[in-house]
């Protein structure tokens, strides 16, 4: 995913929660129906984590993902 973020036409953002293995909510980025990265707010550990599912992700795309996460996901942890 080293293409500039603006050049990626087939991007899909998904807001997803997880209450099985972890407890929290995050966003997933799919490009061409392949999971590229996830940013997750873990309410149990009180952390925010990035998981890259592709070896190379452009800084521009990662910055867009962080901005989307901050816009879509409440920043306060839940008990």
PDB file of N, CA and C in Angstrom:
ATOM      1  N   UNK A   1       0.832  -1.186   0.000  1.00  0.00           N
ATOM      2  CA  UNK A   1       0.000   0.000   0.000  1.00  0.00           C
ATOM      3  C   UNK A   1       0.872   1.242   0.000  1.00  0.00           C
ATOM      4  N   UNK A   2       1.788   1.290  -0.896  1.00  0.00           N
ATOM      5  CA  UNK A   2       2.649   2.456  -0.994  1.00  0.00           C
ATOM      6  C   UNK A   2       2.128   3.487  -1.970  1.00  0.00           C
ATOM      7  N   UNK A   3       0.936   3.276  -2.494  1.00  0.00           N
ATOM      8  CA  UNK A   3       0.330   4.286  -3.356  1.00  0.00           C
ATOM      9  C   UNK A   3      -0.120   5.460  -2.494  1.00  0.00           C
ATOM     10  N   UNK A   4      -0.066   6.682  -3.038  1.00  0.00           N
ATOM     11  CA  UNK A   4      -0.598   7.821  -2.285  1.00  0.00           C
ATOM     12  C   UNK A   4      -2.072   7.587  -1.946  1.00  0.00           C
ATOM     13  N   UNK A   5      -2.483   7.993  -0.768  1.00  0.00           N
ATOM     14  CA  UNK A   5      -3.848   7.752  -0.306  1.00  0.00           C
ATOM     15  C   UNK A   5      -4.886   8.287  -1.281  1.00  0.00           C
ATOM     16  N   UNK A   6      -4.610   9.435  -1.891  1.00  0.00           N
ATOM     17  CA  UNK A   6      -5.562  10.036  -2.825  1.00  0.00           C
ATOM     18  C   UNK A   6      -5.733   9.196  -4.083  1.00  0.00           C
ATOM     19  N   UNK A   7      -4.751   8.364  -4.417  1.00  0.00           N
ATOM     20  CA  UNK A   7      -4.812   7.539  -5.625  1.00  0.00           C
ATOM     21  C   UNK A   7      -5.541   6.218  -5.411  1.00  0.00           C
ATOM     22  N   UNK A   8      -5.905   5.902  -4.194  1.00  0.00           N
ATOM     23  CA  UNK A   8      -6.561   4.625  -3.901  1.00  0.00           C
ATOM     24  C   UNK A   8      -8.068   4.827  -4.005  1.00  0.00           C
ATOM     25  N   UNK A   9      -8.647   4.269  -5.063  1.00  0.00           N
ATOM     26  CA  UNK A   9     -10.065   4.496  -5.331  1.00  0.00           C
ATOM     27  C   UNK A   9     -10.964   3.546  -4.550  1.00  0.00           C
ATOM     28  N   UNK A  10     -10.511   2.351  -4.292  1.00  0.00           N
ATOM     29  CA  UNK A  10     -11.370   1.338  -3.712  1.00  0.00           C
ATOM     30  C   UNK A  10     -11.100   1.150  -2.218  1.00  0.00           C
ATOM     31  N   UNK A  11     -11.203   2.264  -1.452  1.00  0.00           N
ATOM     32  CA  UNK A  11     -11.012   2.227   0.007  1.00  0.00           C
ATOM     33  C   UNK A  11     -12.368   2.048   0.678  1.00  0.00           C
ATOM     34  N   UNK A  12     -12.382   1.259   1.734  1.00  0.00           N
ATOM     35  CA  UNK A  12     -13.610   1.087   2.511  1.00  0.00           C
ATOM     36  C   UNK A  12     -13.247   1.126   3.991  1.00  0.00           C
ATOM     37  N   UNK A  13     -13.883   2.030   4.727  1.00  0.00           N
ATOM     38  CA  UNK A  13     -13.676   2.139   6.171  1.00  0.00           C
ATOM     39  C   UNK A  13     -14.821   1.411   6.871  1.00  0.00           C
ATOM     40  N   UNK A  14     -14.497   0.601   7.861  1.00  0.00           N
ATOM     41  CA  UNK A  14     -15.503  -0.132   8.623  1.00  0.00           C
ATOM     42  C   UNK A  14     -15.286   0.165  10.102  1.00  0.00           C
ATOM     43  N   UNK A  15     -16.353   0.580  10.783  1.00  0.00           N
ATOM     44  CA  UNK A  15     -16.317   0.736  12.239  1.00  0.00           C
ATOM     45  C   UNK A  15     -16.757  -0.601  12.822  1.00  0.00           C
ATOM     46  N   UNK A  16     -15.926  -1.171  13.691  1.00  0.00           N
ATOM     47  CA  UNK A  16     -16.213  -2.501  14.231  1.00  0.00           C
ATOM     48  C   UNK A  16     -15.920  -2.541  15.723  1.00  0.00           C
ATOM     49  N   UNK A  17     -16.796  -3.233  16.452  1.00  0.00           N
ATOM     50  CA  UNK A  17     -16.544  -3.434  17.881  1.00  0.00           C
ATOM     51  C   UNK A  17     -16.172  -4.892  18.106  1.00  0.00           C
ATOM     52  N   UNK A  18     -15.502  -5.134  19.210  1.00  0.00           N
ATOM     53  CA  UNK A  18     -15.078  -6.485  19.565  1.00  0.00           C
ATOM     54  C   UNK A  18     -15.300  -6.647  21.060  1.00  0.00           C
ATOM     55  N   UNK A  19     -16.066  -7.658  21.441  1.00  0.00           N
ATOM     56  CA  UNK A  19     -16.293  -7.918  22.867  1.00  0.00           C
ATOM     57  C   UNK A  19     -15.932  -9.353  23.240  1.00  0.00           C
ATOM     58  N   UNK A  20     -15.319 -10.081  22.319  1.00  0.00           N
ATOM     59  CA  UNK A  20     -14.924 -11.463  22.617  1.00  0.00           C
ATOM     60  C   UNK A  20     -13.512 -11.509  23.176  1.00  0.00           C
ATOM     61  N   UNK A  21     -12.530 -11.350  22.286  1.00  0.00           N
ATOM     62  CA  UNK A  21     -11.126 -11.432  22.701  1.00  0.00           C
ATOM     63  C   UNK A  21     -10.643 -10.145  23.351  1.00  0.00           C
ATOM     64  N   UNK A  22     -11.243  -9.052  22.936  1.00  0.00           N
ATOM     65  CA  UNK A  22     -10.892  -7.728  23.468  1.00  0.00           C
ATOM     66  C   UNK A  22     -12.208  -7.017  23.747  1.00  0.00           C
ATOM     67  N   UNK A  23     -12.144  -5.885  24.380  1.00  0.00           N
ATOM     68  CA  UNK A  23     -13.358  -5.118  24.633  1.00  0.00           C
ATOM     69  C   UNK A  23     -13.111  -3.700  24.171  1.00  0.00           C
ATOM     70  N   UNK A  24     -13.712  -3.330  23.039  1.00  0.00           N
ATOM     71  CA  UNK A  24     -13.516  -1.983  22.532  1.00  0.00           C
ATOM     72  C   UNK A  24     -14.100  -1.813  21.147  1.00  0.00           C
ATOM     73  N   UNK A  25     -13.631  -0.773  20.476  1.00  0.00           N
ATOM     74  CA  UNK A  25     -14.156  -0.408  19.166  1.00  0.00           C
ATOM     75  C   UNK A  25     -13.021   0.183  18.339  1.00  0.00           C
ATOM     76  N   UNK A  26     -13.146   0.056  17.039  1.00  0.00           N
ATOM     77  CA  UNK A  26     -12.102   0.603  16.183  1.00  0.00           C
ATOM     78  C   UNK A  26     -12.559   0.750  14.753  1.00  0.00           C
ATOM     79  N   UNK A  27     -11.601   1.089  13.900  1.00  0.00           N
ATOM     80  CA  UNK A  27     -11.870   1.171  12.471  1.00  0.00           C
ATOM     81  C   UNK A  27     -10.946   0.202  11.744  1.00  0.00           C
ATOM     82  N   UNK A  28     -11.451  -0.317  10.640  1.00  0.00           N
ATOM     83  CA  UNK A  28     -10.656  -1.164   9.760  1.00  0.00           C
ATOM     84  C   UNK A  28     -10.640  -0.513   8.388  1.00  0.00           C
ATOM     85  N   UNK A  29      -9.513  -0.579   7.716  1.00  0.00           N
ATOM     86  CA  UNK A  29      -9.395  -0.066   6.356  1.00  0.00           C
ATOM     87  C   UNK A  29      -9.188  -1.236   5.411  1.00  0.00           C
ATOM     88  N   UNK A  30     -10.086  -1.331   4.437  1.00  0.00           N
ATOM     89  CA  UNK A  30      -9.984  -2.333   3.380  1.00  0.00           C
ATOM     90  C   UNK A  30      -9.672  -1.619   2.075  1.00  0.00           C
ATOM     91  N   UNK A  31      -8.756  -2.168   1.298  1.00  0.00           N
ATOM     92  CA  UNK A  31      -8.462  -1.688  -0.048  1.00  0.00           C
ATOM     93  C   UNK A  31      -8.601  -2.890  -0.968  1.00  0.00           C
ATOM     94  N   UNK A  32      -9.433  -2.740  -1.985  1.00  0.00           N
ATOM     95  CA  UNK A  32      -9.713  -3.857  -2.896  1.00  0.00           C
ATOM     96  C   UNK A  32     -10.156  -5.090  -2.112  1.00  0.00           C
ATOM     97  N   UNK A  33     -10.988  -4.872  -1.082  1.00  0.00           N
ATOM     98  CA  UNK A  33     -11.569  -5.918  -0.238  1.00  0.00           C
ATOM     99  C   UNK A  33     -10.543  -6.686   0.604  1.00  0.00           C
ATOM    100  N   UNK A  34      -9.332  -6.145   0.736  1.00  0.00           N
ATOM    101  CA  UNK A  34      -8.293  -6.754   1.569  1.00  0.00           C
ATOM    102  C   UNK A  34      -8.039  -5.858   2.776  1.00  0.00           C
ATOM    103  N   UNK A  35      -8.046  -6.450   3.970  1.00  0.00           N
ATOM    104  CA  UNK A  35      -7.789  -5.686   5.191  1.00  0.00           C
ATOM    105  C   UNK A  35      -6.353  -5.186   5.188  1.00  0.00           C
ATOM    106  N   UNK A  36      -6.196  -3.868   5.328  1.00  0.00           N
ATOM    107  CA  UNK A  36      -4.877  -3.235   5.295  1.00  0.00           C
ATOM    108  C   UNK A  36      -4.409  -2.878   6.697  1.00  0.00           C
ATOM    109  N   UNK A  37      -5.307  -2.273   7.498  1.00  0.00           N
ATOM    110  CA  UNK A  37      -4.919  -1.874   8.850  1.00  0.00           C
ATOM    111  C   UNK A  37      -6.143  -1.734   9.728  1.00  0.00           C
ATOM    112  N   UNK A  38      -5.872  -1.729  11.030  1.00  0.00           N
ATOM    113  CA  UNK A  38      -6.913  -1.537  12.029  1.00  0.00           C
ATOM    114  C   UNK A  38      -6.361  -0.600  13.097  1.00  0.00           C
ATOM    115  N   UNK A  39      -7.210   0.300  13.558  1.00  0.00           N
ATOM    116  CA  UNK A  39      -6.892   1.101  14.744  1.00  0.00           C
ATOM    117  C   UNK A  39      -7.992   0.798  15.748  1.00  0.00           C
ATOM    118  N   UNK A  40      -7.598   0.392  16.951  1.00  0.00           N
ATOM    119  CA  UNK A  40      -8.542  -0.136  17.927  1.00  0.00           C
ATOM    120  C   UNK A  40      -8.372   0.541  19.277  1.00  0.00           C
ATOM    121  N   UNK A  41      -9.494   0.938  19.869  1.00  0.00           N
ATOM    122  CA  UNK A  41      -9.511   1.452  21.243  1.00  0.00           C
ATOM    123  C   UNK A  41      -9.903   0.299  22.150  1.00  0.00           C
ATOM    124  N   UNK A  42      -8.958  -0.171  22.944  1.00  0.00           N
ATOM    125  CA  UNK A  42      -9.192  -1.301  23.840  1.00  0.00           C
ATOM    126  C   UNK A  42      -9.568  -0.758  25.214  1.00  0.00           C
ATOM    127  N   UNK A  43     -10.836  -0.946  25.582  1.00  0.00           N
ATOM    128  CA  UNK A  43     -11.328  -0.389  26.842  1.00  0.00           C
ATOM    129  C   UNK A  43     -10.845  -1.179  28.056  1.00  0.00           C
ATOM    130  N   UNK A  44     -10.457  -2.425  27.875  1.00  0.00           N
ATOM    131  CA  UNK A  44      -9.940  -3.223  28.985  1.00  0.00           C
ATOM    132  C   UNK A  44      -8.530  -2.786  29.358  1.00  0.00           C
ATOM    133  N   UNK A  45      -7.674  -2.657  28.341  1.00  0.00           N
ATOM    134  CA  UNK A  45      -6.280  -2.262  28.581  1.00  0.00           C
ATOM    135  C   UNK A  45      -6.094  -0.751  28.608  1.00  0.00           C
ATOM    136  N   UNK A  46      -7.153  -0.012  28.225  1.00  0.00           N
ATOM    137  CA  UNK A  46      -7.117   1.452  28.145  1.00  0.00           C
ATOM    138  C   UNK A  46      -5.976   1.907  27.230  1.00  0.00           C
ATOM    139  N   UNK A  47      -5.945   1.319  26.026  1.00  0.00           N
ATOM    140  CA  UNK A  47      -4.940   1.662  25.025  1.00  0.00           C
ATOM    141  C   UNK A  47      -5.611   1.873  23.670  1.00  0.00           C
ATOM    142  N   UNK A  48      -4.876   2.512  22.792  1.00  0.00           N
ATOM    143  CA  UNK A  48      -5.260   2.635  21.383  1.00  0.00           C
ATOM    144  C   UNK A  48      -4.119   2.015  20.591  1.00  0.00           C
ATOM    145  N   UNK A  49      -4.448   1.070  19.722  1.00  0.00           N
ATOM    146  CA  UNK A  49      -3.411   0.302  19.041  1.00  0.00           C
ATOM    147  C   UNK A  49      -3.635   0.288  17.537  1.00  0.00           C
ATOM    148  N   UNK A  50      -2.536   0.286  16.798  1.00  0.00           N
ATOM    149  CA  UNK A  50      -2.574   0.160  15.343  1.00  0.00           C
ATOM    150  C   UNK A  50      -2.032  -1.217  14.985  1.00  0.00           C
ATOM    151  N   UNK A  51      -2.766  -1.933  14.142  1.00  0.00           N
ATOM    152  CA  UNK A  51      -2.304  -3.212  13.618  1.00  0.00           C
ATOM    153  C   UNK A  51      -2.242  -3.101  12.103  1.00  0.00           C
ATOM    154  N   UNK A  52      -1.058  -3.329  11.546  1.00  0.00           N
ATOM    155  CA  UNK A  52      -0.881  -3.306  10.097  1.00  0.00           C
ATOM    156  C   UNK A  52      -1.001  -4.731   9.574  1.00  0.00           C
ATOM    157  N   UNK A  53      -1.860  -4.916   8.589  1.00  0.00           N
ATOM    158  CA  UNK A  53      -2.045  -6.233   7.984  1.00  0.00           C
ATOM    159  C   UNK A  53      -1.309  -6.349   6.657  1.00  0.00           C
ATOM    160  N   UNK A  54      -0.712  -5.270   6.218  1.00  0.00           N
ATOM    161  CA  UNK A  54       0.156  -5.246   5.037  1.00  0.00           C
ATOM    162  C   UNK A  54       1.533  -4.808   5.502  1.00  0.00           C
ATOM    163  N   UNK A  55       2.557  -5.317   4.867  1.00  0.00           N
ATOM    164  CA  UNK A  55       3.920  -5.006   5.305  1.00  0.00           C
ATOM    165  C   UNK A  55       4.262  -3.539   5.112  1.00  0.00           C
ATOM    166  N   UNK A  56       3.840  -2.956   4.004  1.00  0.00           N
ATOM    167  CA  UNK A  56       4.156  -1.554   3.730  1.00  0.00           C
ATOM    168  C   UNK A  56       2.866  -0.756   3.590  1.00  0.00           C
ATOM    169  N   UNK A  57       2.728   0.248   4.439  1.00  0.00           N
ATOM    170  CA  UNK A  57       1.593   1.168   4.390  1.00  0.00           C
ATOM    171  C   UNK A  57       2.179   2.567   4.355  1.00  0.00           C
ATOM    172  N   UNK A  58       1.737   3.372   3.398  1.00  0.00           N
ATOM    173  CA  UNK A  58       2.300   4.719   3.278  1.00  0.00           C
ATOM    174  C   UNK A  58       1.949   5.555   4.503  1.00  0.00           C
ATOM    175  N   UNK A  59       2.831   6.467   4.849  1.00  0.00           N
ATOM    176  CA  UNK A  59       2.588   7.370   5.970  1.00  0.00           C
ATOM    177  C   UNK A  59       1.318   8.176   5.725  1.00  0.00           C
ATOM    178  N   UNK A  60       1.100   8.599   4.497  1.00  0.00           N
ATOM    179  CA  UNK A  60      -0.096   9.371   4.150  1.00  0.00           C
ATOM    180  C   UNK A  60      -1.372   8.571   4.443  1.00  0.00           C
ATOM    181  N   UNK A  61      -1.376   7.296   4.098  1.00  0.00           N
ATOM    182  CA  UNK A  61      -2.545   6.457   4.355  1.00  0.00           C
ATOM    183  C   UNK A  61      -2.725   6.235   5.854  1.00  0.00           C
ATOM    184  N   UNK A  62      -1.636   6.040   6.579  1.00  0.00           N
ATOM    185  CA  UNK A  62      -1.711   5.875   8.030  1.00  0.00           C
ATOM    186  C   UNK A  62      -2.235   7.145   8.701  1.00  0.00           C
ATOM    187  N   UNK A  63      -1.777   8.306   8.241  1.00  0.00           N
ATOM    188  CA  UNK A  63      -2.272   9.575   8.786  1.00  0.00           C
ATOM    189  C   UNK A  63      -3.761   9.743   8.506  1.00  0.00           C
ATOM    190  N   UNK A  64      -4.211   9.338   7.314  1.00  0.00           N
ATOM    191  CA  UNK A  64      -5.641   9.399   6.998  1.00  0.00           C
ATOM    192  C   UNK A  64      -6.429   8.471   7.920  1.00  0.00           C
ATOM    193  N   UNK A  65      -5.874   7.297   8.198  1.00  0.00           N
ATOM    194  CA  UNK A  65      -6.533   6.349   9.091  1.00  0.00           C
ATOM    195  C   UNK A  65      -6.642   6.913  10.508  1.00  0.00           C
ATOM    196  N   UNK A  66      -5.595   7.535  10.990  1.00  0.00           N
ATOM    197  CA  UNK A  66      -5.621   8.132  12.332  1.00  0.00           C
ATOM    198  C   UNK A  66      -6.666   9.240  12.397  1.00  0.00           C
ATOM    199  N   UNK A  67      -6.728  10.077  11.374  1.00  0.00           N
ATOM    200  CA  UNK A  67      -7.724  11.153  11.338  1.00  0.00           C
ATOM    201  C   UNK A  67      -9.140  10.575  11.311  1.00  0.00           C
ATOM    202  N   UNK A  68      -9.344   9.517  10.551  1.00  0.00           N
ATOM    203  CA  UNK A  68     -10.660   8.872  10.489  1.00  0.00           C
ATOM    204  C   UNK A  68     -11.017   8.268  11.838  1.00  0.00           C
ATOM    205  N   UNK A  69     -10.060   7.619  12.486  1.00  0.00           N
ATOM    206  CA  UNK A  69     -10.280   7.044  13.815  1.00  0.00           C
ATOM    207  C   UNK A  69     -10.696   8.128  14.804  1.00  0.00           C
ATOM    208  N   UNK A  70      -9.993   9.244  14.811  1.00  0.00           N
ATOM    209  CA  UNK A  70     -10.300  10.330  15.747  1.00  0.00           C
ATOM    210  C   UNK A  70     -11.664  10.943  15.470  1.00  0.00           C
ATOM    211  N   UNK A  71     -12.082  10.940  14.218  1.00  0.00           N
ATOM    212  CA  UNK A  71     -13.381  11.506  13.844  1.00  0.00           C
ATOM    213  C   UNK A  71     -14.535  10.550  14.167  1.00  0.00           C
ATOM    214  N   UNK A  72     -14.325   9.256  13.946  1.00  0.00           N
ATOM    215  CA  UNK A  72     -15.413   8.279  14.032  1.00  0.00           C
ATOM    216  C   UNK A  72     -15.548   7.591  15.391  1.00  0.00           C
ATOM    217  N   UNK A  73     -14.454   7.493  16.138  1.00  0.00           N
ATOM    218  CA  UNK A  73     -14.458   6.706  17.378  1.00  0.00           C
ATOM    219  C   UNK A  73     -14.311   7.633  18.579  1.00  0.00           C
ATOM    220  N   UNK A  74     -15.244   7.554  19.544  1.00  0.00           N
ATOM    221  CA  UNK A  74     -15.087   8.361  20.754  1.00  0.00           C
ATOM    222  C   UNK A  74     -13.752   8.043  21.435  1.00  0.00           C
ATOM    223  N   UNK A  75     -13.082   9.059  21.916  1.00  0.00           N
ATOM    224  CA  UNK A  75     -11.746   8.880  22.488  1.00  0.00           C
ATOM    225  C   UNK A  75     -11.767   8.437  23.948  1.00  0.00           C
ATOM    226  N   UNK A  76     -12.884   8.634  24.637  1.00  0.00           N
ATOM    227  CA  UNK A  76     -12.961   8.252  26.048  1.00  0.00           C
ATOM    228  C   UNK A  76     -13.124   6.742  26.189  1.00  0.00           C
ATOM    229  N   UNK A  77     -12.379   6.155  27.110  1.00  0.00           N
ATOM    230  CA  UNK A  77     -12.495   4.729  27.387  1.00  0.00           C
ATOM    231  C   UNK A  77     -13.775   4.465  28.171  1.00  0.00           C
ATOM    232  N   UNK A  78     -14.360   3.278  27.957  1.00  0.00           N
ATOM    233  CA  UNK A  78     -15.566   2.877  28.676  1.00  0.00           C
ATOM    234  C   UNK A  78     -15.197   1.879  29.760  1.00  0.00           C
ATOM    235  N   UNK A  79     -15.959   1.897  30.850  1.00  0.00           N
ATOM    236  CA  UNK A  79     -15.725   0.937  31.950  1.00  0.00           C
ATOM    237  C   UNK A  79     -16.372  -0.389  31.637  1.00  0.00           C
TER     238      UNK A  79
END
